[in-house]
Each structure stands twice: as structure tokens, then as C-alpha cells.
Amino acid sequence: MDTKQLAAFCTVVERRSFSQAAERLGVTQPAVSLQVRALEKRLGVQLLDRSGRRVEPTEAGMRLYRGAQRLLALEEQVFSEVTHEAGEELSGTFLIGASTGPGGIVMAHLLCEFQGLHPDLHVVLSVFDTQTIVERVATRELELGVVGAARRHRGVVFEPFLRDEVILACPPDHPFAGKTITLDELREGRLIVMQEGAGVRQLIEDELRPRGIRLRDLGVKLELGLQESVSSAVRAGYGVTFISRTSVESDLASGALVEARVADLELERDVYLVRGAGRAETRAAHAVVDFAKERIAR
């Protein structure tokens, strides 16, 4: 079976669009349409429903998609093993994503060191919120991701990578600075939160839910993007925020920010590696993961 046709079909299913699939594959839209139609003709069944605004797989299409993923993963693995056995140095481009906080900070340093050991490899780190990283790994835009929460997604698998602590960061002159406070007191502290999709926000929401509390119950009036935006606002004295300790270590050391704690909230989490489900790991991805785990274990 023509694996190029299968790859085109799988990309259409993942993007729900011929035009976006063509853009992802670096070919024209008619070329993708021809590959999918040739596949449908060969199998004698309709694989995609093109009647709506978005392209959707038929029942037969979903069966083929699941099988095709396994076949494409096997092909990728075979090529990787052959290259590995040939003893070639890592080369090409390795695309990895990380959420802000420990993922972005820790991985940025590790990748700089790793690339220095493999000068022929072009490493590209993209930083987004957790949800975006998960989606981009699922659609194979990224080979690997590092995120602060394991969001359910059928297209990926998660593996615990490192532990991280989330703290309540305050300006040094804030009444909460250096103290342990209650949730009732937190309502009076002008809490600033990150945008939907951020791993820290999901952790806080998960901790509050069993207590019958939602973020809006804490009087939240400011949602300011990701870690850099909220930490900047707190440094300027506009409120307090929950944030990864790793991302503000230098601010805590200099006294620009001070930690507070909230009674009864357990704010430790796993940071996860995220891989595409059914996708064989490339040599570069395998080497990066082994290198990172070794460094973190020290």
C-alpha cells in the first residue's frame, strides 16, 4: 500500500481539512485530494464525508485511520533503526514543544546542552500553553512535548517526567507575603490567573473542585495569558498569582517576589512528556529524552 497516500489521508483526518493537510504536508490541495481519492478507489469505499464545513472520516475511514497510524509508525521505526545501525550522527530538524514554566525553562537549558553535543541537529523549541502543545503533538506538528498537566486526548500518551511545585507568588509588601492563608482570605487578595489551557490553572481548578469552589468564586477579575504575563503583573504590585516555583526562582532569590501558601491546597504536580499515540520515537526524540532524564536525575 502507498504510504504517501496513507499519510495524506491521516493528515486530512487529523486536520479535518484538505487545505490545512496540504499546508502541513507542503504540497498542493489538489495533490492531497488526488491521493485520498486514489485510496478510496483502490479500497472501493468512501473514507471521508465531505458534505459538511469540516471533513469527517466515515466509519470505514476511522478503521483505516487507526490501522494506517500503526503502519506509518512502523515505517518510521524501521527507517530510524536502519539509520541508527548505520551509525550516522543525529542531523536534520527536531521539533519539540513545551509549556511555560518548568517545561520551557528546564528544557531550554537542556536542549542547549544537548545540541552542543550534536552540532548537525537543528533543534526547534516552541513554547505555548499545555493544551496547544498537546494538540500539536497529536497532529504531529511536534515530535515531543513537555507539559504541566495530562489533558485527556486520544491522540497522545503521557509519561511523568519531573516534579514541580506551584506557589502563590506575591509582591514583597503584600499582606500575604511569607504567610499561610485560607481560601476565604485569598478572595481579598486580587488573584491574577493564567489563561484557559495553562497547566497551572488546571491544577488549581482541580484542587478547588472537590471543595465545591470555582476560580470565579475567588473574585478573579484578571486573566493575563501565561507565566511571564502574570509574574510581571505581580512584580509590579497588581495582585498575587499561582505559578510554578521553577519559573520564578530568580525573583524569589532576589526578593522581587515572596512566596505564600494556601492552607489545605496540595500544589505539587507532575510535569509530563507527551508523545503521539502509536507513533514510533525517532532517534532524536529518544536521544533527547534519555539525555534529559539523565541530567534531571543528577
Protein backbone atom coordinates (compact mmCIF):
# COMPACT_ATOMS: atom_id res chain seq x y z
CA MET A 1 0.00 0.00 0.00
CA ASP A 2 1.25 3.51 -0.86
CA THR A 3 2.29 5.05 2.46
CA LYS A 4 2.23 8.56 0.94
CA GLN A 5 -1.48 8.11 0.29
CA LEU A 6 -1.97 6.90 3.84
CA ALA A 7 -0.01 9.83 5.24
CA ALA A 8 -2.12 12.27 3.21
CA PHE A 9 -5.33 10.60 4.38
CA CYS A 10 -4.26 10.61 8.06
CA THR A 11 -3.31 14.28 7.89
CA VAL A 12 -6.73 15.17 6.44
CA VAL A 13 -8.43 13.25 9.25
CA GLU A 14 -6.31 15.00 11.88
CA ARG A 15 -6.78 18.49 10.42
CA ARG A 16 -10.39 17.95 9.24
CA SER A 17 -9.42 19.96 6.16
CA PHE A 18 -7.80 19.29 2.77
CA SER A 19 -6.26 22.75 2.62
CA GLN A 20 -4.72 22.51 6.10
CA ALA A 21 -3.48 19.00 5.36
CA ALA A 22 -1.82 20.27 2.17
CA GLU A 23 -0.16 23.07 4.11
CA ARG A 24 1.09 20.63 6.73
CA LEU A 25 2.49 18.27 4.08
CA GLY A 26 3.97 21.04 1.95
CA VAL A 27 2.04 20.08 -1.20
CA THR A 28 -0.94 21.48 -3.11
CA GLN A 29 -4.53 20.82 -2.10
CA PRO A 30 -5.34 19.06 -5.43
CA ALA A 31 -2.41 16.70 -4.79
CA VAL A 32 -3.85 15.71 -1.42
CA SER A 33 -7.33 15.26 -2.91
CA LEU A 34 -5.94 13.01 -5.66
CA GLN A 35 -4.09 10.83 -3.14
CA VAL A 36 -7.19 10.38 -0.98
CA ARG A 37 -9.45 9.65 -3.98
CA ALA A 38 -6.94 7.11 -5.29
CA LEU A 39 -7.03 5.42 -1.90
CA GLU A 40 -10.85 5.37 -1.88
CA LYS A 41 -10.89 3.95 -5.41
CA ARG A 42 -8.44 1.22 -4.50
CA LEU A 43 -10.40 0.20 -1.40
CA GLY A 44 -13.81 0.66 -3.01
CA VAL A 45 -15.26 2.59 -0.06
CA GLN A 46 -15.82 6.21 0.88
CA LEU A 47 -13.33 7.20 3.56
CA LEU A 48 -14.25 10.83 4.13
CA ASP A 49 -17.53 12.72 4.42
CA ARG A 50 -17.03 15.98 2.54
CA SER A 51 -20.61 17.28 2.87
CA GLY A 52 -20.14 19.50 5.93
CA ARG A 53 -17.97 22.50 6.70
CA ARG A 54 -15.31 20.17 8.08
CA VAL A 55 -14.13 16.94 6.54
CA GLU A 56 -15.04 13.98 8.76
CA PRO A 57 -13.96 10.31 8.48
CA THR A 58 -16.63 7.73 7.75
CA GLU A 59 -16.80 4.55 9.82
CA ALA A 60 -14.56 2.83 7.27
CA GLY A 61 -12.30 5.87 7.32
CA MET A 62 -11.82 5.64 11.07
CA ARG A 63 -10.91 1.96 10.80
CA LEU A 64 -8.36 2.77 8.12
CA TYR A 65 -7.02 5.72 10.14
CA ARG A 66 -6.27 3.54 13.16
CA GLY A 67 -4.55 0.92 11.05
CA ALA A 68 -2.69 3.49 8.98
CA GLN A 69 -1.28 5.11 12.11
CA ARG A 70 0.23 1.79 13.15
CA LEU A 71 1.64 1.19 9.67
CA LEU A 72 3.16 4.67 9.40
CA ALA A 73 4.65 4.32 12.89
CA LEU A 74 6.22 1.01 11.89
CA GLU A 75 7.66 2.55 8.73
CA GLU A 76 9.14 5.39 10.78
CA GLN A 77 10.61 2.95 13.27
CA VAL A 78 12.19 0.82 10.55
CA PHE A 79 13.86 3.83 8.94
CA SER A 80 15.04 5.03 12.33
CA GLU A 81 16.55 1.65 13.19
CA VAL A 82 18.32 1.40 9.83
CA THR A 83 19.78 4.87 10.25
CA HIS A 84 20.81 4.07 13.80
CA GLU A 85 22.53 0.88 12.77
CA ALA A 86 24.39 2.78 10.10
CA GLY A 87 25.98 4.80 12.93
CA GLU A 88 25.08 8.19 11.49
CA GLU A 89 25.25 11.29 13.65
CA LEU A 90 21.94 12.96 14.51
CA SER A 91 21.01 15.52 11.88
CA GLY A 92 18.01 17.26 10.37
CA THR A 93 15.44 19.18 12.40
CA PHE A 94 13.95 18.12 15.74
CA LEU A 95 10.69 19.86 16.69
CA ILE A 96 9.79 19.88 20.38
CA GLY A 97 7.25 21.89 22.33
CA ALA A 98 6.98 22.87 25.98
CA SER A 99 4.51 24.73 28.12
CA THR A 100 5.68 27.79 30.02
CA GLY A 101 7.24 27.25 33.43
CA PRO A 102 9.33 24.17 34.18
CA GLY A 103 8.87 22.71 30.71
CA GLY A 104 10.06 25.80 28.89
CA ILE A 105 12.77 26.74 31.37
CA VAL A 106 14.22 23.31 32.11
CA MET A 107 14.02 22.12 28.51
CA ALA A 108 15.56 25.32 27.12
CA HIS A 109 18.71 24.74 29.16
CA LEU A 110 18.83 21.00 28.46
CA LEU A 111 18.33 21.46 24.72
CA CYS A 112 21.15 23.99 24.50
CA GLU A 113 23.50 21.46 26.10
CA PHE A 114 22.14 18.58 24.00
CA GLN A 115 22.52 20.46 20.71
CA GLY A 116 26.11 21.25 21.60
CA LEU A 117 26.75 17.50 21.66
CA HIS A 118 25.03 17.05 18.28
CA PRO A 119 26.11 20.00 16.12
CA ASP A 120 24.45 18.67 12.94
CA LEU A 121 21.00 18.63 14.58
CA HIS A 122 18.76 21.69 14.29
CA VAL A 123 16.64 21.88 17.47
CA VAL A 124 13.45 23.97 17.47
CA LEU A 125 11.66 24.55 20.80
CA SER A 126 8.17 26.08 20.62
CA VAL A 127 6.54 27.37 23.82
CA PHE A 128 2.75 27.52 24.20
CA ASP A 129 0.18 26.63 26.82
CA THR A 130 -0.32 22.97 27.74
CA GLN A 131 -3.43 22.47 25.59
CA THR A 132 -1.76 23.81 22.45
CA ILE A 133 1.32 21.61 22.94
CA VAL A 134 -0.86 18.51 23.38
CA GLU A 135 -2.82 19.29 20.21
CA ARG A 136 0.33 19.92 18.16
CA VAL A 137 1.89 16.65 19.29
CA ALA A 138 -1.35 14.84 18.42
CA THR A 139 -1.34 16.28 14.89
CA ARG A 140 2.39 15.52 14.51
CA GLU A 141 3.45 19.13 14.19
CA LEU A 142 5.76 18.40 17.12
CA GLU A 143 7.67 15.18 17.75
CA LEU A 144 7.63 15.58 21.52
CA GLY A 145 6.13 17.83 24.16
CA VAL A 146 6.76 18.71 27.81
CA VAL A 147 3.64 19.94 29.62
CA GLY A 148 2.41 20.74 33.10
CA ALA A 149 -0.83 18.74 33.01
CA ALA A 150 -2.04 15.48 31.45
CA ARG A 151 -5.06 16.63 29.46
CA ARG A 152 -7.12 13.76 28.08
CA HIS A 153 -6.58 13.36 24.35
CA ARG A 154 -6.89 10.15 22.34
CA GLY A 155 -4.05 11.19 20.05
CA VAL A 156 -1.30 11.30 22.69
CA VAL A 157 0.22 9.40 25.61
CA PHE A 158 1.75 10.94 28.74
CA GLU A 159 4.74 9.91 30.84
CA PRO A 160 5.72 11.58 34.16
CA PHE A 161 8.98 13.46 33.63
CA LEU A 162 9.73 15.60 36.69
CA ARG A 163 8.03 17.03 39.78
CA ASP A 164 7.14 20.69 40.14
CA GLU A 165 5.78 22.84 42.97
CA VAL A 166 3.23 25.60 42.38
CA ILE A 167 3.29 28.51 44.82
CA LEU A 168 1.27 31.65 45.48
CA ALA A 169 3.61 34.45 44.42
CA CYS A 170 3.15 37.88 46.00
CA PRO A 171 4.80 41.33 45.90
CA PRO A 172 7.14 41.70 48.91
CA ASP A 173 4.89 44.29 50.60
CA HIS A 174 1.66 42.29 50.12
CA PRO A 175 -0.23 41.24 53.29
CA PHE A 176 0.03 37.56 52.20
CA ALA A 177 3.82 37.60 51.72
CA GLY A 178 5.50 34.82 53.69
CA LYS A 179 2.28 33.64 55.32
CA THR A 180 -0.12 30.72 55.11
CA ILE A 181 -3.60 31.97 54.27
CA THR A 182 -7.08 30.49 53.90
CA LEU A 183 -9.20 30.34 50.76
CA ASP A 184 -11.51 32.94 52.31
CA GLU A 185 -8.55 35.28 52.72
CA LEU A 186 -7.45 34.60 49.15
CA ARG A 187 -10.71 36.17 47.92
CA GLU A 188 -9.44 39.51 49.23
CA GLY A 189 -6.02 39.31 47.61
CA ARG A 190 -6.77 40.24 43.98
CA LEU A 191 -5.91 36.90 42.43
CA ILE A 192 -4.50 37.02 38.88
CA VAL A 193 -4.79 33.79 36.88
CA MET A 194 -3.42 32.42 33.62
CA GLN A 195 -5.46 31.79 30.51
CA GLU A 196 -7.58 28.72 29.81
CA GLY A 197 -5.33 25.86 28.71
CA ALA A 198 -2.47 26.64 31.11
CA GLY A 199 -1.31 23.67 33.18
CA VAL A 200 -1.05 25.68 36.42
CA ARG A 201 -4.63 26.88 36.00
CA GLN A 202 -5.83 23.31 35.50
CA LEU A 203 -4.03 22.23 38.69
CA ILE A 204 -5.71 24.99 40.71
CA GLU A 205 -9.14 24.21 39.25
CA ASP A 206 -8.64 20.50 40.02
CA GLU A 207 -7.68 21.30 43.62
CA LEU A 208 -10.67 23.61 44.13
CA ARG A 209 -13.29 21.36 42.52
CA PRO A 210 -13.61 18.80 45.40
CA ARG A 211 -14.22 21.76 47.72
CA GLY A 212 -17.10 22.98 45.60
CA ILE A 213 -15.19 26.12 44.62
CA ARG A 214 -14.59 27.59 41.18
CA LEU A 215 -11.98 30.18 40.24
CA ARG A 216 -14.67 32.79 39.70
CA ASP A 217 -15.78 32.22 43.31
CA LEU A 218 -12.41 33.70 44.34
CA GLY A 219 -13.27 37.03 42.74
CA VAL A 220 -10.91 36.67 39.78
CA LYS A 221 -11.01 39.77 37.59
CA LEU A 222 -7.70 39.43 35.73
CA GLU A 223 -6.67 36.65 33.32
CA LEU A 224 -3.30 37.56 31.85
CA GLY A 225 -2.02 34.94 29.44
CA LEU A 226 0.83 32.72 30.61
CA GLN A 227 3.59 32.71 33.23
CA GLU A 228 5.58 35.73 32.10
CA SER A 229 2.49 37.96 31.95
CA VAL A 230 1.18 37.06 35.41
CA SER A 231 4.59 37.21 37.09
CA SER A 232 5.22 40.64 35.55
CA ALA A 233 1.90 41.90 36.90
CA VAL A 234 2.66 40.56 40.38
CA ARG A 235 6.16 42.09 40.39
CA ALA A 236 4.51 45.42 39.56
CA GLY A 237 2.25 45.06 42.60
CA TYR A 238 -1.10 44.41 40.91
CA GLY A 239 -2.01 41.24 42.81
CA VAL A 240 -0.99 37.65 43.56
CA THR A 241 -0.83 34.57 41.34
CA PHE A 242 -0.34 30.82 41.40
CA ILE A 243 2.78 29.98 39.43
CA SER A 244 5.47 27.32 39.06
CA ARG A 245 8.29 27.84 41.55
CA THR A 246 10.80 26.95 38.82
CA SER A 247 9.69 29.88 36.67
CA VAL A 248 10.23 32.48 39.43
CA GLU A 249 13.28 31.09 41.26
CA SER A 250 15.39 34.14 40.39
CA ASP A 251 12.65 36.54 41.55
CA LEU A 252 12.30 34.68 44.86
CA ALA A 253 16.08 34.73 45.36
CA SER A 254 16.31 38.48 44.67
CA GLY A 255 13.28 39.35 46.80
CA ALA A 256 11.27 40.71 43.86
CA LEU A 257 8.60 38.14 44.74
CA VAL A 258 7.73 36.41 48.01
CA GLU A 259 6.02 33.06 48.45
CA ALA A 260 2.76 32.47 50.32
CA ARG A 261 0.88 29.25 50.94
CA VAL A 262 -2.82 28.42 50.90
CA ALA A 263 -3.95 26.09 53.69
CA ASP A 264 -5.21 22.66 52.59
CA LEU A 265 -4.17 23.05 48.93
CA GLU A 266 -1.66 20.43 47.71
CA LEU A 267 0.09 22.26 44.90
CA GLU A 268 2.64 19.77 43.62
CA ARG A 269 2.30 18.24 40.17
CA ASP A 270 3.95 16.04 37.63
CA VAL A 271 5.40 17.60 34.52
CA TYR A 272 4.84 15.18 31.64
CA LEU A 273 6.46 14.09 28.43
CA VAL A 274 3.78 13.85 25.74
CA ARG A 275 4.14 11.71 22.61
CA GLY A 276 1.88 10.97 19.67
CA ALA A 277 -0.15 7.81 20.26
CA GLY A 278 1.08 4.95 18.09
CA ARG A 279 3.99 7.00 16.81
CA ALA A 280 7.43 5.41 16.78
CA GLU A 281 10.03 7.51 18.53
CA THR A 282 12.68 8.98 16.27
CA ARG A 283 16.35 8.68 17.10
CA ALA A 284 16.49 12.37 18.00
CA ALA A 285 13.47 12.14 20.33
CA HIS A 286 14.87 9.03 22.01
CA ALA A 287 18.26 10.67 22.47
CA VAL A 288 16.75 13.90 23.88
CA VAL A 289 14.59 12.01 26.40
CA ASP A 290 17.50 9.84 27.58
CA PHE A 291 19.75 12.89 27.90
CA ALA A 292 17.14 14.92 29.79
CA LYS A 293 16.30 12.12 32.22
CA GLU A 294 19.98 11.57 32.97
CA ARG A 295 20.57 15.28 33.68
CA ILE A 296 17.45 15.66 35.83
CA ALA A 297 18.37 12.59 37.89
CA ARG A 298 21.67 14.17 38.93
